[in-house]
Amino acid sequence: MRVKTLFLLMIISLFYSLLSSTATAHNIEPSEFVAAPTEGETRQGPVNRFAKAILRNDLDEAQKYVEKDYVQIPEIRGNSQISGVQLVSSPKSDVKYLLAHFNDEFLEEERLAFIWELIIKENRITKISILFDGANPLVDEARLIREYQLRFKRDVLVPSEFPFEITHFDGYVDGHESLELIYRNKALNGFFRVKVFPVVVELERYKGKDDVYYQLKDGTKAIYRPKFELGYELRFQKNGMQYTLAIGNKKMLKAKFKATDLLKLANSMI
């Protein structure tokens, strides 16, 4: 899953490079009038109408411009309504790209929602392929991890399981070779944080009076802090890197967790 996500980011980078050099874009307005297609414009008419319908979230209308028997309009994920769409031409006359944006209320900024590739034949959309799904917060996670690994030439372990459904993600890389990944669930008012940096001192130096040793599935030693007031926290070291996993904030989080929950998350990284 992680490899697939990173590969997708590479494809998206190449895609934007292609658009900047060979394609033209057409912004779609919800009230824009699109005339009946004339000769030579039969491919453009239905795609414009389809794009306007997607912008209005009118799936019944959008369905009129696709081959109903075998083309399914992809699910539009995310809590925010699409705020803008753009049609991008392709070097191939029967291919267009639909880019959509939405306003992320949590991040208070606009972000790319999705990129669909549309195949048009005989005045109908005969295939829709999802090239990018920006409503998935883990796309931003993959981008940040790739930035860290390219910048510092270090491999890092990342979780493949999470303590709750991830609705938002943010994080940062600092100049001290530290990477912080923060996964959030707005409904639970909780976060899951993974902090990574090169090992400076041995793990034992972090053990407090009430902390408990555990072993991960590959024998790696870990320290759990049962009496940490701010959150549920587990530390371990692997391949020269230290990992601190924390679920919090305990006082505001609408769920309870145990050491076994943190161990499950850590084991998903090994």
C-alpha atoms as a PDB file:
ATOM      1  CA  MET A   1       0.000   0.000   0.000  1.00  0.00           C
ATOM      2  CA  ARG A   2       2.827   2.423   0.880  1.00  0.00           C
ATOM      3  CA  VAL A   3       4.758   1.615  -2.288  1.00  0.00           C
ATOM      4  CA  LYS A   4       1.613   2.140  -4.341  1.00  0.00           C
ATOM      5  CA  THR A   5       1.002   5.557  -2.758  1.00  0.00           C
ATOM      6  CA  LEU A   6       4.568   6.744  -3.349  1.00  0.00           C
ATOM      7  CA  PHE A   7       4.411   5.494  -6.929  1.00  0.00           C
ATOM      8  CA  LEU A   8       1.181   7.456  -7.378  1.00  0.00           C
ATOM      9  CA  LEU A   9       2.923  10.647  -6.268  1.00  0.00           C
ATOM     10  CA  MET A  10       5.614  10.114  -8.892  1.00  0.00           C
ATOM     11  CA  ILE A  11       2.943   9.621 -11.545  1.00  0.00           C
ATOM     12  CA  ILE A  12       1.154  12.814 -10.455  1.00  0.00           C
ATOM     13  CA  SER A  13       4.424  14.792 -10.682  1.00  0.00           C
ATOM     14  CA  LEU A  14       4.987  13.514 -14.203  1.00  0.00           C
ATOM     15  CA  PHE A  15       1.347  14.267 -15.033  1.00  0.00           C
ATOM     16  CA  TYR A  16       1.663  17.913 -14.030  1.00  0.00           C
ATOM     17  CA  SER A  17       4.908  18.178 -15.987  1.00  0.00           C
ATOM     18  CA  LEU A  18       3.072  16.912 -19.048  1.00  0.00           C
ATOM     19  CA  LEU A  19       0.210  19.356 -18.572  1.00  0.00           C
ATOM     20  CA  SER A  20       2.509  22.350 -18.251  1.00  0.00           C
ATOM     21  CA  SER A  21       4.262  21.560 -21.521  1.00  0.00           C
ATOM     22  CA  THR A  22       1.586  20.167 -23.847  1.00  0.00           C
ATOM     23  CA  ALA A  23      -1.945  20.807 -22.587  1.00  0.00           C
ATOM     24  CA  THR A  24      -4.405  23.659 -22.284  1.00  0.00           C
ATOM     25  CA  ALA A  25      -6.825  24.067 -19.400  1.00  0.00           C
ATOM     26  CA  HIS A  26     -10.432  25.241 -19.343  1.00  0.00           C
ATOM     27  CA  ASN A  27     -12.000  26.367 -16.082  1.00  0.00           C
ATOM     28  CA  ILE A  28     -15.663  25.403 -15.708  1.00  0.00           C
ATOM     29  CA  GLU A  29     -18.217  27.694 -14.056  1.00  0.00           C
ATOM     30  CA  PRO A  30     -21.464  26.202 -12.669  1.00  0.00           C
ATOM     31  CA  SER A  31     -23.647  28.653 -14.636  1.00  0.00           C
ATOM     32  CA  GLU A  32     -21.590  28.514 -17.827  1.00  0.00           C
ATOM     33  CA  PHE A  33     -23.608  28.008 -20.990  1.00  0.00           C
ATOM     34  CA  VAL A  34     -22.353  25.249 -23.270  1.00  0.00           C
ATOM     35  CA  ALA A  35     -23.764  25.345 -26.772  1.00  0.00           C
ATOM     36  CA  ALA A  36     -24.886  22.241 -28.601  1.00  0.00           C
ATOM     37  CA  PRO A  37     -21.804  20.626 -30.157  1.00  0.00           C
ATOM     38  CA  THR A  38     -21.139  21.440 -33.786  1.00  0.00           C
ATOM     39  CA  GLU A  39     -19.114  19.410 -36.234  1.00  0.00           C
ATOM     40  CA  GLY A  40     -15.609  18.963 -34.855  1.00  0.00           C
ATOM     41  CA  GLU A  41     -16.776  19.690 -31.298  1.00  0.00           C
ATOM     42  CA  THR A  42     -18.692  16.512 -30.548  1.00  0.00           C
ATOM     43  CA  ARG A  43     -16.086  15.418 -27.999  1.00  0.00           C
ATOM     44  CA  GLN A  44     -16.080  18.728 -26.136  1.00  0.00           C
ATOM     45  CA  GLY A  45     -19.816  19.220 -25.614  1.00  0.00           C
ATOM     46  CA  PRO A  46     -20.655  16.214 -23.401  1.00  0.00           C
ATOM     47  CA  VAL A  47     -17.470  16.562 -21.394  1.00  0.00           C
ATOM     48  CA  ASN A  48     -18.232  20.210 -20.567  1.00  0.00           C
ATOM     49  CA  ARG A  49     -21.756  19.287 -19.544  1.00  0.00           C
ATOM     50  CA  PHE A  50     -20.427  16.395 -17.468  1.00  0.00           C
ATOM     51  CA  ALA A  51     -17.907  18.702 -15.734  1.00  0.00           C
ATOM     52  CA  LYS A  52     -20.587  21.278 -14.887  1.00  0.00           C
ATOM     53  CA  ALA A  53     -22.815  18.561 -13.447  1.00  0.00           C
ATOM     54  CA  ILE A  54     -19.957  17.287 -11.260  1.00  0.00           C
ATOM     55  CA  LEU A  55     -19.333  20.844 -10.044  1.00  0.00           C
ATOM     56  CA  ARG A  56     -23.001  21.126  -9.047  1.00  0.00           C
ATOM     57  CA  ASN A  57     -22.887  17.632  -7.499  1.00  0.00           C
ATOM     58  CA  ASP A  58     -25.709  16.657  -9.851  1.00  0.00           C
ATOM     59  CA  LEU A  59     -24.857  13.005 -10.460  1.00  0.00           C
ATOM     60  CA  ASP A  60     -28.155  12.308 -12.239  1.00  0.00           C
ATOM     61  CA  GLU A  61     -27.269  14.946 -14.818  1.00  0.00           C
ATOM     62  CA  ALA A  62     -23.652  13.738 -15.074  1.00  0.00           C
ATOM     63  CA  GLN A  63     -24.862  10.204 -15.748  1.00  0.00           C
ATOM     64  CA  LYS A  64     -26.520  11.398 -18.988  1.00  0.00           C
ATOM     65  CA  TYR A  65     -23.108  11.866 -20.633  1.00  0.00           C
ATOM     66  CA  VAL A  66     -21.563   8.477 -19.862  1.00  0.00           C
ATOM     67  CA  GLU A  67     -22.182   5.023 -21.271  1.00  0.00           C
ATOM     68  CA  LYS A  68     -24.705   3.844 -18.676  1.00  0.00           C
ATOM     69  CA  ASP A  69     -24.232   0.126 -19.214  1.00  0.00           C
ATOM     70  CA  TYR A  70     -20.638  -0.135 -18.029  1.00  0.00           C
ATOM     71  CA  VAL A  71     -19.248   3.261 -16.928  1.00  0.00           C
ATOM     72  CA  GLN A  72     -19.643   4.149 -13.260  1.00  0.00           C
ATOM     73  CA  ILE A  73     -18.977   7.671 -12.006  1.00  0.00           C
ATOM     74  CA  PRO A  74     -16.381   7.401  -9.187  1.00  0.00           C
ATOM     75  CA  GLU A  75     -17.370   8.240  -5.644  1.00  0.00           C
ATOM     76  CA  ILE A  76     -16.434  11.799  -4.721  1.00  0.00           C
ATOM     77  CA  ARG A  77     -14.959  11.552  -1.244  1.00  0.00           C
ATOM     78  CA  GLY A  78     -14.373  14.286   1.307  1.00  0.00           C
ATOM     79  CA  ASN A  79     -16.688  16.357   3.486  1.00  0.00           C
ATOM     80  CA  SER A  80     -16.447  19.568   1.483  1.00  0.00           C
ATOM     81  CA  GLN A  81     -18.333  20.329  -1.704  1.00  0.00           C
ATOM     82  CA  ILE A  82     -16.337  20.654  -4.909  1.00  0.00           C
ATOM     83  CA  SER A  83     -15.463  24.351  -5.294  1.00  0.00           C
ATOM     84  CA  GLY A  84     -14.068  24.320  -8.819  1.00  0.00           C
ATOM     85  CA  VAL A  85     -13.327  22.054 -11.755  1.00  0.00           C
ATOM     86  CA  GLN A  86     -10.986  22.340 -14.702  1.00  0.00           C
ATOM     87  CA  LEU A  87     -10.864  20.459 -17.999  1.00  0.00           C
ATOM     88  CA  VAL A  88      -7.399  19.825 -19.375  1.00  0.00           C
ATOM     89  CA  SER A  89      -6.753  18.819 -22.962  1.00  0.00           C
ATOM     90  CA  SER A  90      -4.585  15.870 -23.884  1.00  0.00           C
ATOM     91  CA  PRO A  91      -2.331  15.169 -26.874  1.00  0.00           C
ATOM     92  CA  LYS A  92      -4.901  12.496 -27.715  1.00  0.00           C
ATOM     93  CA  SER A  93      -8.103  13.880 -29.191  1.00  0.00           C
ATOM     94  CA  ASP A  94     -10.316  11.378 -27.378  1.00  0.00           C
ATOM     95  CA  VAL A  95      -8.819  11.955 -23.901  1.00  0.00           C
ATOM     96  CA  LYS A  96      -9.422  14.783 -21.417  1.00  0.00           C
ATOM     97  CA  TYR A  97      -8.497  15.235 -17.772  1.00  0.00           C
ATOM     98  CA  LEU A  98     -10.942  16.553 -15.188  1.00  0.00           C
ATOM     99  CA  LEU A  99      -9.319  18.252 -12.181  1.00  0.00           C
ATOM    100  CA  ALA A 100     -11.462  19.237  -9.202  1.00  0.00           C
ATOM    101  CA  HIS A 101     -10.717  21.275  -6.091  1.00  0.00           C
ATOM    102  CA  PHE A 102     -12.428  21.593  -2.738  1.00  0.00           C
ATOM    103  CA  ASN A 103     -11.999  23.863   0.270  1.00  0.00           C
ATOM    104  CA  ASP A 104     -10.462  21.987   3.188  1.00  0.00           C
ATOM    105  CA  GLU A 105     -12.126  23.561   6.227  1.00  0.00           C
ATOM    106  CA  PHE A 106      -9.658  21.971   8.639  1.00  0.00           C
ATOM    107  CA  LEU A 107      -6.561  23.281   6.834  1.00  0.00           C
ATOM    108  CA  GLU A 108      -8.396  26.472   5.763  1.00  0.00           C
ATOM    109  CA  GLU A 109      -7.118  26.242   2.213  1.00  0.00           C
ATOM    110  CA  GLU A 110      -8.054  24.902  -1.199  1.00  0.00           C
ATOM    111  CA  ARG A 111      -6.646  21.546  -2.229  1.00  0.00           C
ATOM    112  CA  LEU A 112      -6.815  19.227  -5.202  1.00  0.00           C
ATOM    113  CA  ALA A 113      -9.731  16.831  -4.794  1.00  0.00           C
ATOM    114  CA  PHE A 114      -9.202  14.445  -7.696  1.00  0.00           C
ATOM    115  CA  ILE A 115      -7.947  13.940 -11.240  1.00  0.00           C
ATOM    116  CA  TRP A 116     -10.023  11.780 -13.568  1.00  0.00           C
ATOM    117  CA  GLU A 117      -9.039  10.665 -17.038  1.00  0.00           C
ATOM    118  CA  LEU A 118     -12.023  10.706 -19.403  1.00  0.00           C
ATOM    119  CA  ILE A 119     -12.129   8.665 -22.614  1.00  0.00           C
ATOM    120  CA  ILE A 120     -14.642  10.019 -25.143  1.00  0.00           C
ATOM    121  CA  LYS A 121     -15.995   8.093 -28.129  1.00  0.00           C
ATOM    122  CA  GLU A 122     -18.964   8.854 -30.341  1.00  0.00           C
ATOM    123  CA  ASN A 123     -20.089  11.800 -28.237  1.00  0.00           C
ATOM    124  CA  ARG A 124     -20.125   9.764 -24.991  1.00  0.00           C
ATOM    125  CA  ILE A 125     -17.752   9.263 -22.063  1.00  0.00           C
ATOM    126  CA  THR A 126     -16.851   5.594 -22.343  1.00  0.00           C
ATOM    127  CA  LYS A 127     -14.295   5.287 -19.539  1.00  0.00           C
ATOM    128  CA  ILE A 128     -13.372   7.145 -16.341  1.00  0.00           C
ATOM    129  CA  SER A 129     -10.076   6.357 -14.608  1.00  0.00           C
ATOM    130  CA  ILE A 130      -9.030   7.806 -11.226  1.00  0.00           C
ATOM    131  CA  LEU A 131      -5.480   9.168 -11.496  1.00  0.00           C
ATOM    132  CA  PHE A 132      -5.440  10.977  -8.150  1.00  0.00           C
ATOM    133  CA  ASP A 133      -7.644  11.031  -5.047  1.00  0.00           C
ATOM    134  CA  GLY A 134      -6.705  14.075  -2.969  1.00  0.00           C
ATOM    135  CA  ALA A 135      -9.521  13.516  -0.466  1.00  0.00           C
ATOM    136  CA  ASN A 136      -7.356  10.719   0.944  1.00  0.00           C
ATOM    137  CA  PRO A 137      -5.267  12.397   3.700  1.00  0.00           C
ATOM    138  CA  LEU A 138      -2.547   9.739   3.371  1.00  0.00           C
ATOM    139  CA  VAL A 139      -1.539  11.242   0.032  1.00  0.00           C
ATOM    140  CA  ASP A 140      -0.090  14.183   1.987  1.00  0.00           C
ATOM    141  CA  GLU A 141       1.597  11.750   4.356  1.00  0.00           C
ATOM    142  CA  ALA A 142       3.346   9.971   1.480  1.00  0.00           C
ATOM    143  CA  ARG A 143       4.492  13.286   0.022  1.00  0.00           C
ATOM    144  CA  LEU A 144       6.053  14.368   3.338  1.00  0.00           C
ATOM    145  CA  ILE A 145       7.777  11.014   3.901  1.00  0.00           C
ATOM    146  CA  ARG A 146       9.237  11.129   0.403  1.00  0.00           C
ATOM    147  CA  GLU A 147      10.509  14.673   1.060  1.00  0.00           C
ATOM    148  CA  TYR A 148      12.238  13.517   4.268  1.00  0.00           C
ATOM    149  CA  GLN A 149      13.821  10.447   2.684  1.00  0.00           C
ATOM    150  CA  LEU A 150      15.143  12.411  -0.299  1.00  0.00           C
ATOM    151  CA  ARG A 151      16.453  15.238   1.877  1.00  0.00           C
ATOM    152  CA  PHE A 152      18.267  13.165   4.508  1.00  0.00           C
ATOM    153  CA  LYS A 153      18.838   9.878   2.628  1.00  0.00           C
ATOM    154  CA  ARG A 154      17.246   7.922   5.481  1.00  0.00           C
ATOM    155  CA  ASP A 155      14.570   5.243   5.318  1.00  0.00           C
ATOM    156  CA  VAL A 156      11.756   5.502   7.849  1.00  0.00           C
ATOM    157  CA  LEU A 157       9.096   3.080   9.047  1.00  0.00           C
ATOM    158  CA  VAL A 158       5.491   4.237   8.840  1.00  0.00           C
ATOM    159  CA  PRO A 159       2.280   2.703  10.234  1.00  0.00           C
ATOM    160  CA  SER A 160      -0.062   0.677   8.072  1.00  0.00           C
ATOM    161  CA  GLU A 161      -2.681   0.507  10.843  1.00  0.00           C
ATOM    162  CA  PHE A 162      -4.211   3.390  12.775  1.00  0.00           C
ATOM    163  CA  PRO A 163      -6.088   3.761  16.090  1.00  0.00           C
ATOM    164  CA  PHE A 164      -9.059   5.418  14.377  1.00  0.00           C
ATOM    165  CA  GLU A 165     -10.251   6.544  10.966  1.00  0.00           C
ATOM    166  CA  ILE A 166      -7.958   9.268   9.665  1.00  0.00           C
ATOM    167  CA  THR A 167      -9.836  12.375   8.550  1.00  0.00           C
ATOM    168  CA  HIS A 168      -6.921  14.823   8.397  1.00  0.00           C
ATOM    169  CA  PHE A 169      -3.152  14.742   8.268  1.00  0.00           C
ATOM    170  CA  ASP A 170      -0.384  17.245   8.831  1.00  0.00           C
ATOM    171  CA  GLY A 171       3.268  17.071   9.702  1.00  0.00           C
ATOM    172  CA  TYR A 172       6.656  18.640   9.133  1.00  0.00           C
ATOM    173  CA  VAL A 173      10.346  18.027   8.591  1.00  0.00           C
ATOM    174  CA  ASP A 174      12.909  20.098  10.490  1.00  0.00           C
ATOM    175  CA  GLY A 175      16.595  20.742   9.958  1.00  0.00           C
ATOM    176  CA  HIS A 176      17.645  18.352  12.721  1.00  0.00           C
ATOM    177  CA  GLU A 177      16.603  15.302  10.692  1.00  0.00           C
ATOM    178  CA  SER A 178      13.365  15.030  12.616  1.00  0.00           C
ATOM    179  CA  LEU A 179      10.098  13.961  10.969  1.00  0.00           C
ATOM    180  CA  GLU A 180       6.721  14.399  12.630  1.00  0.00           C
ATOM    181  CA  LEU A 181       3.562  12.776  11.263  1.00  0.00           C
ATOM    182  CA  ILE A 182       0.238  13.764  12.834  1.00  0.00           C
ATOM    183  CA  TYR A 183      -2.938  11.849  11.966  1.00  0.00           C
ATOM    184  CA  ARG A 184      -6.237  13.254  13.236  1.00  0.00           C
ATOM    185  CA  ASN A 185      -9.846  12.258  13.702  1.00  0.00           C
ATOM    186  CA  LYS A 186     -11.992  15.352  14.083  1.00  0.00           C
ATOM    187  CA  ALA A 187     -15.015  13.514  15.525  1.00  0.00           C
ATOM    188  CA  LEU A 188     -12.962  11.871  18.293  1.00  0.00           C
ATOM    189  CA  ASN A 189     -11.016  15.074  18.910  1.00  0.00           C
ATOM    190  CA  GLY A 190      -7.897  12.924  18.835  1.00  0.00           C
ATOM    191  CA  PHE A 191      -4.539  12.670  17.149  1.00  0.00           C
ATOM    192  CA  PHE A 192      -2.005   9.919  16.518  1.00  0.00           C
ATOM    193  CA  ARG A 193       1.530  11.267  16.293  1.00  0.00           C
ATOM    194  CA  VAL A 194       4.645   9.515  15.041  1.00  0.00           C
ATOM    195  CA  LYS A 195       7.926  11.342  15.678  1.00  0.00           C
ATOM    196  CA  VAL A 196      11.088  10.018  14.035  1.00  0.00           C
ATOM    197  CA  PHE A 197      14.726  11.098  14.383  1.00  0.00           C
ATOM    198  CA  PRO A 198      18.180   9.476  14.386  1.00  0.00           C
ATOM    199  CA  VAL A 199      19.145   7.659  17.600  1.00  0.00           C
ATOM    200  CA  VAL A 200      21.141   9.907  19.949  1.00  0.00           C
ATOM    201  CA  VAL A 201      21.142   7.822  23.156  1.00  0.00           C
ATOM    202  CA  GLU A 202      20.145   4.255  23.912  1.00  0.00           C
ATOM    203  CA  LEU A 203      16.477   3.497  24.587  1.00  0.00           C
ATOM    204  CA  GLU A 204      17.069   2.664  28.265  1.00  0.00           C
ATOM    205  CA  ARG A 205      17.915   6.306  28.970  1.00  0.00           C
ATOM    206  CA  TYR A 206      14.281   7.218  28.296  1.00  0.00           C
ATOM    207  CA  LYS A 207      12.780   4.800  30.825  1.00  0.00           C
ATOM    208  CA  GLY A 208      11.015   6.450  33.740  1.00  0.00           C
ATOM    209  CA  LYS A 209      10.100   4.946  37.098  1.00  0.00           C
ATOM    210  CA  ASP A 210       6.642   3.732  36.067  1.00  0.00           C
ATOM    211  CA  ASP A 211       7.414   2.904  32.439  1.00  0.00           C
ATOM    212  CA  VAL A 212       7.124  -0.695  31.213  1.00  0.00           C
ATOM    213  CA  TYR A 213       9.211  -2.687  28.717  1.00  0.00           C
ATOM    214  CA  TYR A 214       7.491  -4.604  25.911  1.00  0.00           C
ATOM    215  CA  GLN A 215       8.708  -6.518  22.890  1.00  0.00           C
ATOM    216  CA  LEU A 216       7.547  -5.992  19.325  1.00  0.00           C
ATOM    217  CA  LYS A 217       6.908  -8.975  17.051  1.00  0.00           C
ATOM    218  CA  ASP A 218      10.484  -8.992  15.726  1.00  0.00           C
ATOM    219  CA  GLY A 219      12.024  -8.816  19.201  1.00  0.00           C
ATOM    220  CA  THR A 220      12.590  -5.033  19.198  1.00  0.00           C
ATOM    221  CA  LYS A 221      12.430  -3.582  22.712  1.00  0.00           C
ATOM    222  CA  ALA A 222       9.851  -0.858  23.369  1.00  0.00           C
ATOM    223  CA  ILE A 223       8.974   1.371  26.329  1.00  0.00           C
ATOM    224  CA  TYR A 224       5.366   2.185  27.221  1.00  0.00           C
ATOM    225  CA  ARG A 225       4.455   5.099  29.525  1.00  0.00           C
ATOM    226  CA  PRO A 226       1.277   4.071  31.402  1.00  0.00           C
ATOM    227  CA  LYS A 227       1.128   7.182  33.584  1.00  0.00           C
ATOM    228  CA  PHE A 228       1.848   9.817  30.946  1.00  0.00           C
ATOM    229  CA  GLU A 229      -0.936  12.368  31.540  1.00  0.00           C
ATOM    230  CA  LEU A 230      -1.047  13.962  28.103  1.00  0.00           C
ATOM    231  CA  GLY A 231      -1.459  10.814  26.023  1.00  0.00           C
ATOM    232  CA  TYR A 232      -0.711   7.140  25.389  1.00  0.00           C
ATOM    233  CA  GLU A 233       2.952   6.841  24.383  1.00  0.00           C
ATOM    234  CA  LEU A 234       5.328   4.109  23.165  1.00  0.00           C
ATOM    235  CA  ARG A 235       9.010   4.412  22.130  1.00  0.00           C
ATOM    236  CA  PHE A 236      11.287   2.061  20.226  1.00  0.00           C
ATOM    237  CA  GLN A 237      14.473   2.167  18.152  1.00  0.00           C
ATOM    238  CA  LYS A 238      15.070   0.422  14.836  1.00  0.00           C
ATOM    239  CA  ASN A 239      17.845   0.635  12.224  1.00  0.00           C
ATOM    240  CA  GLY A 240      19.422   3.711  13.804  1.00  0.00           C
ATOM    241  CA  MET A 241      16.155   5.634  14.109  1.00  0.00           C
ATOM    242  CA  GLN A 242      14.027   6.386  17.161  1.00  0.00           C
ATOM    243  CA  TYR A 243      10.241   6.287  16.941  1.00  0.00           C
ATOM    244  CA  THR A 244       7.826   7.832  19.431  1.00  0.00           C
ATOM    245  CA  LEU A 245       4.167   6.893  18.954  1.00  0.00           C
ATOM    246  CA  ALA A 246       1.559   8.878  20.866  1.00  0.00           C
ATOM    247  CA  ILE A 247      -2.245   8.984  20.944  1.00  0.00           C
ATOM    248  CA  GLY A 248      -3.762  12.015  22.628  1.00  0.00           C
ATOM    249  CA  ASN A 249      -4.860  14.315  24.058  1.00  0.00           C
ATOM    250  CA  LYS A 250      -6.021  12.091  26.940  1.00  0.00           C
ATOM    251  CA  LYS A 251      -8.120  14.794  28.582  1.00  0.00           C
ATOM    252  CA  MET A 252     -10.105  15.602  25.436  1.00  0.00           C
ATOM    253  CA  LEU A 253      -9.980  12.334  23.498  1.00  0.00           C
ATOM    254  CA  LYS A 254     -13.375  10.630  23.170  1.00  0.00           C
ATOM    255  CA  ALA A 255     -11.908   7.111  23.373  1.00  0.00           C
ATOM    256  CA  LYS A 256      -9.602   5.074  25.599  1.00  0.00           C
ATOM    257  CA  PHE A 257      -6.542   3.049  24.578  1.00  0.00           C
ATOM    258  CA  LYS A 258      -4.166   0.521  26.131  1.00  0.00           C
ATOM    259  CA  ALA A 259      -0.587  -0.629  25.694  1.00  0.00           C
ATOM    260  CA  THR A 260      -1.773  -3.372  23.326  1.00  0.00           C
ATOM    261  CA  ASP A 261      -3.200  -0.719  21.008  1.00  0.00           C
ATOM    262  CA  LEU A 262       0.164   1.052  20.779  1.00  0.00           C
ATOM    263  CA  LEU A 263       1.959  -2.262  20.275  1.00  0.00           C
ATOM    264  CA  LYS A 264      -0.366  -3.116  17.391  1.00  0.00           C
ATOM    265  CA  LEU A 265       0.444   0.217  15.748  1.00  0.00           C
ATOM    266  CA  ALA A 266       4.185  -0.261  16.257  1.00  0.00           C
ATOM    267  CA  ASN A 267       4.056  -3.823  14.907  1.00  0.00           C
ATOM    268  CA  SER A 268       2.365  -2.526  11.749  1.00  0.00           C
ATOM    269  CA  MET A 269       5.530  -0.501  11.102  1.00  0.00           C
ATOM    270  CA  ILE A 270       7.969  -3.421  11.378  1.00  0.00           C
END
